[in-house]
Structure formats: C-alpha cells, structure tokens
Amino acid sequence: KERELLYASGIFHDIVYQIGAPYGKNEEKSALLAELALKDDVFSAEDTREIQRVIMTTCFPPKEEPKDILEKIIRDADIANTGRADFWEKSKAIFIETNMARIMNGQPLLTEEEYAKGRVNFLDKLVKYHTETAQRLYGAGLIKNIARAKEIASIYH
C-alpha cells in the first residue's frame, strides 16, 4: 500500500508547476488536483489525504526534516537530478524558464553571474539526500556538480 501511495504522490507532486509561484503554492494546487482525481474512486479519503501530505513535503527549500520513509523517498526523487550528469542540461533550461517567468512578471532578468552563484548555494547548502539509496546513487555526482558549479561561479570573481 505504501508503494501505491508513493507512486501517486510522485505522479501528482509536480503536476502543477509555475516558476516563481509563492512558496508551497504549486504543491497546494498539485495536492488539490490529486484529491479531485483520486478520492473515493481510486483511493480512500484517508489515503488521498496521505498522498496530499506527501506532496506537500516537496516544497523547496524544505522547512523541516522528513518525518517518515515516504517523505524521505519523495524528497530524494524530487532532487535526484542534482546528482546526475544531466543536471547541467536541465540547469540551462531552468535558467531560461526562470528568465521567461521574470519577463512575464515584469522583473529584471537574472544575470548568468547571479544564476551561477545561486546554483552554488542551491547545490552546496540546500540539497540533501535523505535515504541511503539516494546517497549511494547520487552523492558522488552531487559532489562533482557542486565542484563544477563553484568553478563556473569563480569565473565571475
């Protein structure tokens, strides 16, 4: 049963994603959609609330440590890309998406320097894997990505 709850949480946790949304707003909307799609027909009301709870723990940066294995697994899955080789490709896409959102919101564009420094802070200070499996699979890659991010950011000093 836990596996099914985790799968459903994983499917719905980023179903709503708007760059620049206020903290927790994407997760709230995703949890609401999960409720509408799953309650009663697919999962019990209690299971649907559990799925929503797990979805809400993917707010980033997290305000508290995960409380159980479901929270640990979904958080690790949510940031697994930080320890993979394709992190840099995705990071470029996020830089573009972020600046597109800033344009639409009438905000100044992030410079490459600001983004590079923010990426170092993100990887080095905010990313933390909570399961042994994630640490084993992505820990070494994260260390490499932190080193590369620092190297890139040092260009601007």
N, C-alpha and C. Protein backbone atom coordinates (compact mmCIF):
# COMPACT_ATOMS: atom_id res chain seq x y z
N LYS A 1 0.82 -1.20 0.00
CA LYS A 1 0.00 0.00 0.00
C LYS A 1 0.86 1.27 0.00
N GLU A 2 1.94 1.28 0.82
CA GLU A 2 2.83 2.44 0.84
C GLU A 2 3.39 2.74 -0.53
N ARG A 3 3.72 1.70 -1.27
CA ARG A 3 4.27 1.89 -2.62
C ARG A 3 3.26 2.60 -3.52
N GLU A 4 2.01 2.19 -3.45
CA GLU A 4 0.97 2.83 -4.25
C GLU A 4 0.79 4.30 -3.87
N LEU A 5 0.84 4.58 -2.57
CA LEU A 5 0.72 5.97 -2.11
C LEU A 5 1.90 6.80 -2.60
N LEU A 6 3.09 6.20 -2.57
CA LEU A 6 4.28 6.90 -3.04
C LEU A 6 4.20 7.16 -4.55
N TYR A 7 3.79 6.15 -5.32
CA TYR A 7 3.64 6.33 -6.76
C TYR A 7 2.67 7.46 -7.07
N ALA A 8 1.52 7.46 -6.43
CA ALA A 8 0.53 8.50 -6.68
C ALA A 8 1.07 9.87 -6.28
N SER A 9 1.76 9.93 -5.15
CA SER A 9 2.36 11.20 -4.72
C SER A 9 3.38 11.69 -5.74
N GLY A 10 4.18 10.77 -6.24
CA GLY A 10 5.19 11.13 -7.23
C GLY A 10 4.58 11.62 -8.53
N ILE A 11 3.52 10.99 -8.96
CA ILE A 11 2.86 11.40 -10.20
C ILE A 11 2.28 12.80 -10.06
N PHE A 12 1.68 13.08 -8.92
CA PHE A 12 0.97 14.35 -8.76
C PHE A 12 1.81 15.49 -8.19
N HIS A 13 2.98 15.20 -7.62
CA HIS A 13 3.65 16.25 -6.85
C HIS A 13 4.06 17.46 -7.67
N ASP A 14 4.35 17.33 -8.92
CA ASP A 14 4.71 18.47 -9.77
C ASP A 14 3.75 18.64 -10.93
N ILE A 15 2.54 18.14 -10.78
CA ILE A 15 1.59 18.24 -11.89
C ILE A 15 1.24 19.71 -12.16
N VAL A 16 1.32 20.54 -11.12
CA VAL A 16 1.19 21.99 -11.28
C VAL A 16 2.57 22.56 -10.98
N TYR A 17 3.14 23.25 -11.95
CA TYR A 17 4.46 23.84 -11.74
C TYR A 17 4.53 25.16 -12.48
N GLN A 18 4.58 26.22 -11.71
CA GLN A 18 4.72 27.56 -12.27
C GLN A 18 5.95 28.19 -11.65
N ILE A 19 6.92 28.53 -12.48
CA ILE A 19 8.14 29.16 -11.98
C ILE A 19 7.77 30.48 -11.31
N GLY A 20 8.33 30.72 -10.16
CA GLY A 20 8.10 31.98 -9.46
C GLY A 20 6.84 31.99 -8.61
N ALA A 21 6.13 30.87 -8.54
CA ALA A 21 4.93 30.81 -7.69
C ALA A 21 5.35 30.98 -6.23
N PRO A 22 4.48 31.56 -5.41
CA PRO A 22 4.82 31.68 -3.98
C PRO A 22 5.10 30.31 -3.37
N TYR A 23 5.90 30.32 -2.31
CA TYR A 23 6.31 29.09 -1.64
C TYR A 23 5.09 28.22 -1.32
N GLY A 24 5.14 26.97 -1.78
CA GLY A 24 4.11 25.99 -1.47
C GLY A 24 2.87 26.05 -2.34
N LYS A 25 2.75 27.05 -3.19
CA LYS A 25 1.53 27.21 -4.00
C LYS A 25 1.41 26.10 -5.05
N ASN A 26 2.52 25.75 -5.71
CA ASN A 26 2.47 24.67 -6.69
C ASN A 26 2.07 23.35 -6.03
N GLU A 27 2.63 23.10 -4.86
CA GLU A 27 2.32 21.86 -4.16
C GLU A 27 0.86 21.84 -3.70
N GLU A 28 0.36 22.98 -3.23
CA GLU A 28 -1.05 23.06 -2.83
C GLU A 28 -1.98 22.72 -3.99
N LYS A 29 -1.68 23.31 -5.14
CA LYS A 29 -2.52 23.06 -6.33
C LYS A 29 -2.39 21.61 -6.80
N SER A 30 -1.19 21.07 -6.73
CA SER A 30 -0.98 19.67 -7.10
C SER A 30 -1.73 18.74 -6.16
N ALA A 31 -1.69 19.05 -4.87
CA ALA A 31 -2.41 18.23 -3.88
C ALA A 31 -3.92 18.31 -4.10
N LEU A 32 -4.41 19.48 -4.47
CA LEU A 32 -5.84 19.63 -4.74
C LEU A 32 -6.24 18.80 -5.97
N LEU A 33 -5.42 18.86 -7.01
CA LEU A 33 -5.71 18.04 -8.19
C LEU A 33 -5.67 16.55 -7.87
N ALA A 34 -4.73 16.15 -7.02
CA ALA A 34 -4.66 14.75 -6.61
C ALA A 34 -5.95 14.35 -5.91
N GLU A 35 -6.45 15.22 -5.04
CA GLU A 35 -7.70 14.93 -4.33
C GLU A 35 -8.85 14.76 -5.32
N LEU A 36 -8.94 15.70 -6.25
CA LEU A 36 -10.04 15.65 -7.22
C LEU A 36 -9.97 14.39 -8.09
N ALA A 37 -8.76 14.00 -8.44
CA ALA A 37 -8.59 12.86 -9.34
C ALA A 37 -8.68 11.51 -8.63
N LEU A 38 -8.30 11.46 -7.36
CA LEU A 38 -8.12 10.17 -6.70
C LEU A 38 -9.16 9.82 -5.65
N LYS A 39 -9.74 10.79 -5.00
CA LYS A 39 -10.56 10.48 -3.83
C LYS A 39 -11.74 9.59 -4.20
N ASP A 40 -12.02 8.69 -3.32
CA ASP A 40 -13.15 7.78 -3.38
C ASP A 40 -13.09 6.75 -4.51
N ASP A 41 -12.79 7.17 -5.74
CA ASP A 41 -12.79 6.23 -6.85
C ASP A 41 -11.55 5.34 -6.87
N VAL A 42 -10.42 5.93 -6.59
CA VAL A 42 -9.16 5.19 -6.69
C VAL A 42 -8.58 4.89 -5.30
N PHE A 43 -8.59 5.88 -4.43
CA PHE A 43 -8.07 5.74 -3.07
C PHE A 43 -9.14 6.17 -2.09
N SER A 44 -9.05 5.66 -0.89
CA SER A 44 -9.96 6.10 0.17
C SER A 44 -9.64 7.56 0.51
N ALA A 45 -10.55 8.20 1.21
CA ALA A 45 -10.33 9.59 1.63
C ALA A 45 -9.07 9.68 2.50
N GLU A 46 -8.87 8.69 3.37
CA GLU A 46 -7.68 8.67 4.22
C GLU A 46 -6.40 8.55 3.40
N ASP A 47 -6.40 7.66 2.41
CA ASP A 47 -5.22 7.50 1.56
C ASP A 47 -4.97 8.75 0.72
N THR A 48 -6.03 9.38 0.26
CA THR A 48 -5.89 10.61 -0.52
C THR A 48 -5.26 11.71 0.33
N ARG A 49 -5.67 11.82 1.59
CA ARG A 49 -5.06 12.81 2.50
C ARG A 49 -3.57 12.50 2.71
N GLU A 50 -3.24 11.22 2.78
CA GLU A 50 -1.84 10.83 2.93
C GLU A 50 -1.04 11.22 1.69
N ILE A 51 -1.60 11.02 0.53
CA ILE A 51 -0.93 11.42 -0.72
C ILE A 51 -0.72 12.93 -0.72
N GLN A 52 -1.74 13.67 -0.32
CA GLN A 52 -1.61 15.12 -0.26
C GLN A 52 -0.52 15.55 0.73
N ARG A 53 -0.46 14.89 1.86
CA ARG A 53 0.57 15.20 2.86
C ARG A 53 1.96 15.00 2.28
N VAL A 54 2.14 13.89 1.58
CA VAL A 54 3.45 13.60 1.00
C VAL A 54 3.78 14.63 -0.09
N ILE A 55 2.81 14.99 -0.91
CA ILE A 55 3.03 16.02 -1.93
C ILE A 55 3.50 17.32 -1.28
N MET A 56 2.87 17.71 -0.20
CA MET A 56 3.21 18.98 0.45
C MET A 56 4.63 19.00 1.02
N THR A 57 5.22 17.85 1.26
CA THR A 57 6.59 17.82 1.79
C THR A 57 7.62 18.11 0.71
N THR A 58 7.19 18.25 -0.56
CA THR A 58 8.14 18.54 -1.63
C THR A 58 8.36 20.04 -1.82
N CYS A 59 7.76 20.87 -0.96
CA CYS A 59 8.04 22.31 -1.02
C CYS A 59 9.55 22.51 -0.86
N PHE A 60 10.10 23.41 -1.67
CA PHE A 60 11.55 23.60 -1.63
C PHE A 60 11.86 25.08 -1.54
N PRO A 61 12.79 25.47 -0.66
CA PRO A 61 13.53 24.60 0.24
C PRO A 61 12.63 24.13 1.39
N PRO A 62 12.88 22.93 1.88
CA PRO A 62 12.04 22.39 2.94
C PRO A 62 12.21 23.18 4.23
N LYS A 63 11.13 23.26 4.99
CA LYS A 63 11.18 23.97 6.27
C LYS A 63 11.47 23.03 7.43
N GLU A 64 11.35 21.73 7.18
CA GLU A 64 11.64 20.75 8.24
C GLU A 64 12.15 19.46 7.62
N GLU A 65 12.75 18.65 8.46
CA GLU A 65 13.26 17.35 8.01
C GLU A 65 12.09 16.40 7.72
N PRO A 66 12.27 15.45 6.80
CA PRO A 66 11.21 14.48 6.54
C PRO A 66 10.94 13.63 7.77
N LYS A 67 9.66 13.29 7.95
CA LYS A 67 9.24 12.57 9.16
C LYS A 67 9.18 11.06 8.98
N ASP A 68 9.06 10.60 7.73
CA ASP A 68 8.92 9.16 7.53
C ASP A 68 9.54 8.77 6.18
N ILE A 69 9.51 7.50 5.89
CA ILE A 69 10.17 6.99 4.68
C ILE A 69 9.54 7.53 3.40
N LEU A 70 8.22 7.72 3.39
CA LEU A 70 7.59 8.28 2.19
C LEU A 70 8.10 9.68 1.91
N GLU A 71 8.19 10.49 2.94
CA GLU A 71 8.70 11.85 2.77
C GLU A 71 10.16 11.83 2.32
N LYS A 72 10.96 10.95 2.89
CA LYS A 72 12.37 10.87 2.50
C LYS A 72 12.51 10.47 1.04
N ILE A 73 11.77 9.48 0.62
CA ILE A 73 11.89 8.99 -0.76
C ILE A 73 11.43 10.04 -1.76
N ILE A 74 10.29 10.68 -1.51
CA ILE A 74 9.81 11.65 -2.49
C ILE A 74 10.71 12.87 -2.57
N ARG A 75 11.25 13.27 -1.43
CA ARG A 75 12.19 14.41 -1.47
C ARG A 75 13.45 14.05 -2.25
N ASP A 76 13.97 12.86 -2.02
CA ASP A 76 15.15 12.43 -2.77
C ASP A 76 14.85 12.35 -4.26
N ALA A 77 13.70 11.81 -4.60
CA ALA A 77 13.33 11.70 -6.01
C ALA A 77 13.19 13.09 -6.64
N ASP A 78 12.67 14.03 -5.87
CA ASP A 78 12.43 15.37 -6.38
C ASP A 78 13.72 16.10 -6.72
N ILE A 79 14.81 15.78 -6.03
CA ILE A 79 16.08 16.46 -6.28
C ILE A 79 17.16 15.53 -6.84
N ALA A 80 16.77 14.35 -7.27
CA ALA A 80 17.74 13.38 -7.77
C ALA A 80 18.59 13.93 -8.91
N ASN A 81 18.00 14.81 -9.73
CA ASN A 81 18.75 15.35 -10.87
C ASN A 81 20.00 16.11 -10.43
N THR A 82 20.06 16.58 -9.19
CA THR A 82 21.22 17.34 -8.73
C THR A 82 22.48 16.49 -8.66
N GLY A 83 22.32 15.19 -8.63
CA GLY A 83 23.48 14.30 -8.57
C GLY A 83 23.71 13.54 -9.85
N ARG A 84 23.01 13.94 -10.91
CA ARG A 84 23.16 13.25 -12.20
C ARG A 84 23.96 14.10 -13.18
N ALA A 85 24.49 13.44 -14.19
CA ALA A 85 25.28 14.13 -15.21
C ALA A 85 24.42 15.09 -16.03
N ASP A 86 23.12 14.81 -16.18
CA ASP A 86 22.26 15.68 -16.98
C ASP A 86 21.80 16.93 -16.21
N PHE A 87 22.33 17.11 -15.00
CA PHE A 87 21.98 18.30 -14.22
C PHE A 87 22.25 19.58 -15.00
N TRP A 88 23.35 19.64 -15.70
CA TRP A 88 23.76 20.88 -16.36
C TRP A 88 22.84 21.23 -17.52
N GLU A 89 22.40 20.23 -18.24
CA GLU A 89 21.45 20.46 -19.32
C GLU A 89 20.14 21.01 -18.75
N LYS A 90 19.67 20.40 -17.70
CA LYS A 90 18.42 20.85 -17.06
C LYS A 90 18.60 22.22 -16.42
N SER A 91 19.77 22.49 -15.89
CA SER A 91 20.04 23.78 -15.28
C SER A 91 19.95 24.91 -16.30
N LYS A 92 20.44 24.66 -17.50
CA LYS A 92 20.33 25.68 -18.56
C LYS A 92 18.87 25.95 -18.89
N ALA A 93 18.08 24.90 -18.97
CA ALA A 93 16.66 25.05 -19.27
C ALA A 93 15.95 25.83 -18.15
N ILE A 94 16.32 25.57 -16.91
CA ILE A 94 15.70 26.28 -15.78
C ILE A 94 16.08 27.76 -15.80
N PHE A 95 17.31 28.06 -16.18
CA PHE A 95 17.75 29.45 -16.30
C PHE A 95 16.87 30.18 -17.31
N ILE A 96 16.64 29.56 -18.44
CA ILE A 96 15.79 30.16 -19.47
C ILE A 96 14.34 30.30 -18.98
N GLU A 97 13.80 29.24 -18.39
CA GLU A 97 12.44 29.28 -17.85
C GLU A 97 12.28 30.37 -16.80
N THR A 98 13.27 30.47 -15.93
CA THR A 98 13.21 31.47 -14.86
C THR A 98 13.17 32.87 -15.45
N ASN A 99 14.01 33.13 -16.43
CA ASN A 99 14.02 34.46 -17.03
C ASN A 99 12.77 34.73 -17.85
N MET A 100 12.20 33.72 -18.44
CA MET A 100 10.92 33.91 -19.15
C MET A 100 9.84 34.31 -18.15
N ALA A 101 9.80 33.65 -17.00
CA ALA A 101 8.82 33.99 -15.96
C ALA A 101 9.07 35.41 -15.44
N ARG A 102 10.32 35.77 -15.29
CA ARG A 102 10.65 37.13 -14.82
C ARG A 102 10.18 38.17 -15.82
N ILE A 103 10.35 37.90 -17.10
CA ILE A 103 9.88 38.82 -18.13
C ILE A 103 8.36 38.98 -18.02
N MET A 104 7.66 37.86 -17.90
CA MET A 104 6.20 37.90 -17.83
C MET A 104 5.71 38.61 -16.57
N ASN A 105 6.51 38.58 -15.51
CA ASN A 105 6.13 39.23 -14.26
C ASN A 105 6.71 40.63 -14.11
N GLY A 106 7.35 41.13 -15.17
CA GLY A 106 7.90 42.48 -15.14
C GLY A 106 9.11 42.63 -14.23
N GLN A 107 9.83 41.53 -14.00
CA GLN A 107 11.00 41.57 -13.14
C GLN A 107 12.26 41.62 -14.00
N PRO A 108 13.34 42.15 -13.43
CA PRO A 108 14.60 42.15 -14.19
C PRO A 108 15.12 40.73 -14.38
N LEU A 109 15.82 40.52 -15.48
CA LEU A 109 16.39 39.21 -15.77
C LEU A 109 17.51 38.88 -14.79
N LEU A 110 17.64 37.60 -14.49
CA LEU A 110 18.80 37.12 -13.73
C LEU A 110 19.99 37.13 -14.67
N THR A 111 21.11 37.61 -14.17
CA THR A 111 22.32 37.52 -14.97
C THR A 111 22.89 36.12 -14.84
N GLU A 112 23.78 35.77 -15.73
CA GLU A 112 24.44 34.46 -15.63
C GLU A 112 25.24 34.37 -14.33
N GLU A 113 25.81 35.49 -13.90
CA GLU A 113 26.56 35.51 -12.64
C GLU A 113 25.64 35.22 -11.45
N GLU A 114 24.49 35.89 -11.39
CA GLU A 114 23.54 35.66 -10.30
C GLU A 114 23.07 34.21 -10.28
N TYR A 115 22.79 33.69 -11.47
CA TYR A 115 22.32 32.32 -11.55
C TYR A 115 23.41 31.33 -11.12
N ALA A 116 24.64 31.60 -11.55
CA ALA A 116 25.77 30.72 -11.19
C ALA A 116 25.98 30.70 -9.67
N LYS A 117 25.93 31.86 -9.05
CA LYS A 117 26.11 31.93 -7.59
C LYS A 117 24.93 31.29 -6.86
N GLY A 118 23.73 31.48 -7.37
CA GLY A 118 22.56 30.84 -6.78
C GLY A 118 22.61 29.33 -6.89
N ARG A 119 23.15 28.87 -8.01
CA ARG A 119 23.26 27.41 -8.22
C ARG A 119 24.24 26.80 -7.22
N VAL A 120 25.32 27.50 -6.91
CA VAL A 120 26.27 27.01 -5.90
C VAL A 120 25.56 26.91 -4.56
N ASN A 121 24.85 27.96 -4.16
CA ASN A 121 24.13 27.94 -2.89
C ASN A 121 23.11 26.80 -2.86
N PHE A 122 22.37 26.65 -3.95
CA PHE A 122 21.37 25.59 -4.04
C PHE A 122 22.00 24.22 -3.84
N LEU A 123 23.02 23.92 -4.61
CA LEU A 123 23.64 22.59 -4.55
C LEU A 123 24.37 22.35 -3.23
N ASP A 124 25.12 23.35 -2.79
CA ASP A 124 26.00 23.17 -1.65
C ASP A 124 25.29 23.30 -0.31
N LYS A 125 24.26 24.12 -0.24
CA LYS A 125 23.63 24.40 1.06
C LYS A 125 22.23 23.80 1.20
N LEU A 126 21.50 23.66 0.10
CA LEU A 126 20.09 23.27 0.20
C LEU A 126 19.82 21.81 -0.13
N VAL A 127 20.64 21.23 -0.98
CA VAL A 127 20.39 19.85 -1.41
C VAL A 127 20.92 18.88 -0.36
N LYS A 128 20.03 17.97 0.03
CA LYS A 128 20.41 16.94 1.00
C LYS A 128 19.60 15.68 0.68
N TYR A 129 20.29 14.57 0.50
CA TYR A 129 19.61 13.30 0.27
C TYR A 129 19.30 12.66 1.63
N HIS A 130 18.15 12.02 1.71
CA HIS A 130 17.68 11.50 2.99
C HIS A 130 17.71 9.98 3.10
N THR A 131 17.91 9.28 1.99
CA THR A 131 17.96 7.83 2.04
C THR A 131 19.35 7.35 1.63
N GLU A 132 19.71 6.19 2.13
CA GLU A 132 21.00 5.61 1.75
C GLU A 132 21.05 5.35 0.25
N THR A 133 19.94 4.96 -0.32
CA THR A 133 19.90 4.67 -1.75
C THR A 133 20.23 5.92 -2.56
N ALA A 134 19.62 7.04 -2.24
CA ALA A 134 19.91 8.28 -2.97
C ALA A 134 21.35 8.72 -2.76
N GLN A 135 21.84 8.57 -1.54
CA GLN A 135 23.23 8.94 -1.27
C GLN A 135 24.18 8.09 -2.11
N ARG A 136 23.86 6.79 -2.21
CA ARG A 136 24.70 5.89 -2.99
C ARG A 136 24.62 6.21 -4.49
N LEU A 137 23.40 6.45 -4.98
CA LEU A 137 23.21 6.68 -6.41
C LEU A 137 23.64 8.07 -6.87
N TYR A 138 23.45 9.08 -6.02
CA TYR A 138 23.63 10.47 -6.48
C TYR A 138 24.65 11.27 -5.70
N GLY A 139 25.13 10.74 -4.57
CA GLY A 139 26.05 11.51 -3.73
C GLY A 139 27.33 11.93 -4.44
N ALA A 140 27.99 11.00 -5.12
CA ALA A 140 29.23 11.34 -5.82
C ALA A 140 28.97 12.33 -6.95
N GLY A 141 27.86 12.16 -7.64
CA GLY A 141 27.50 13.09 -8.72
C GLY A 141 27.23 14.48 -8.18
N LEU A 142 26.58 14.55 -7.02
CA LEU A 142 26.32 15.86 -6.40
C LEU A 142 27.63 16.55 -6.06
N ILE A 143 28.58 15.81 -5.51
CA ILE A 143 29.88 16.40 -5.17
C ILE A 143 30.55 16.95 -6.43
N LYS A 144 30.49 16.20 -7.53
CA LYS A 144 31.05 16.68 -8.80
C LYS A 144 30.32 17.92 -9.29
N ASN A 145 29.00 17.93 -9.17
CA ASN A 145 28.22 19.07 -9.65
C ASN A 145 28.46 20.31 -8.79
N ILE A 146 28.66 20.12 -7.49
CA ILE A 146 29.00 21.26 -6.62
C ILE A 146 30.34 21.84 -7.04
N ALA A 147 31.32 20.98 -7.26
CA ALA A 147 32.65 21.44 -7.68
C ALA A 147 32.57 22.20 -9.00
N ARG A 148 31.82 21.68 -9.94
CA ARG A 148 31.69 22.36 -11.24
C ARG A 148 30.95 23.69 -11.08
N ALA A 149 29.92 23.72 -10.24
CA ALA A 149 29.17 24.96 -10.02
C ALA A 149 30.09 26.02 -9.40
N LYS A 150 30.92 25.62 -8.45
CA LYS A 150 31.86 26.57 -7.85
C LYS A 150 32.88 27.07 -8.86
N GLU A 151 33.33 26.17 -9.71
CA GLU A 151 34.27 26.54 -10.76
C GLU A 151 33.65 27.57 -11.71
N ILE A 152 32.42 27.33 -12.11
CA ILE A 152 31.72 28.26 -13.01
C ILE A 152 31.51 29.60 -12.32
N ALA A 153 31.08 29.57 -11.07
CA ALA A 153 30.83 30.82 -10.33
C ALA A 153 32.11 31.61 -10.11
N SER A 154 33.24 30.92 -10.00
CA SER A 154 34.52 31.61 -9.73
C SER A 154 34.95 32.47 -10.92
N ILE A 155 34.40 32.19 -12.08
CA ILE A 155 34.73 33.00 -13.27
C ILE A 155 34.32 34.45 -13.05
N TYR A 156 33.29 34.66 -12.25
CA TYR A 156 32.74 35.99 -12.05
C TYR A 156 33.40 36.78 -10.92
N HIS A 157 34.40 36.21 -10.28
CA HIS A 157 35.06 36.93 -9.17
C HIS A 157 36.15 37.81 -9.65
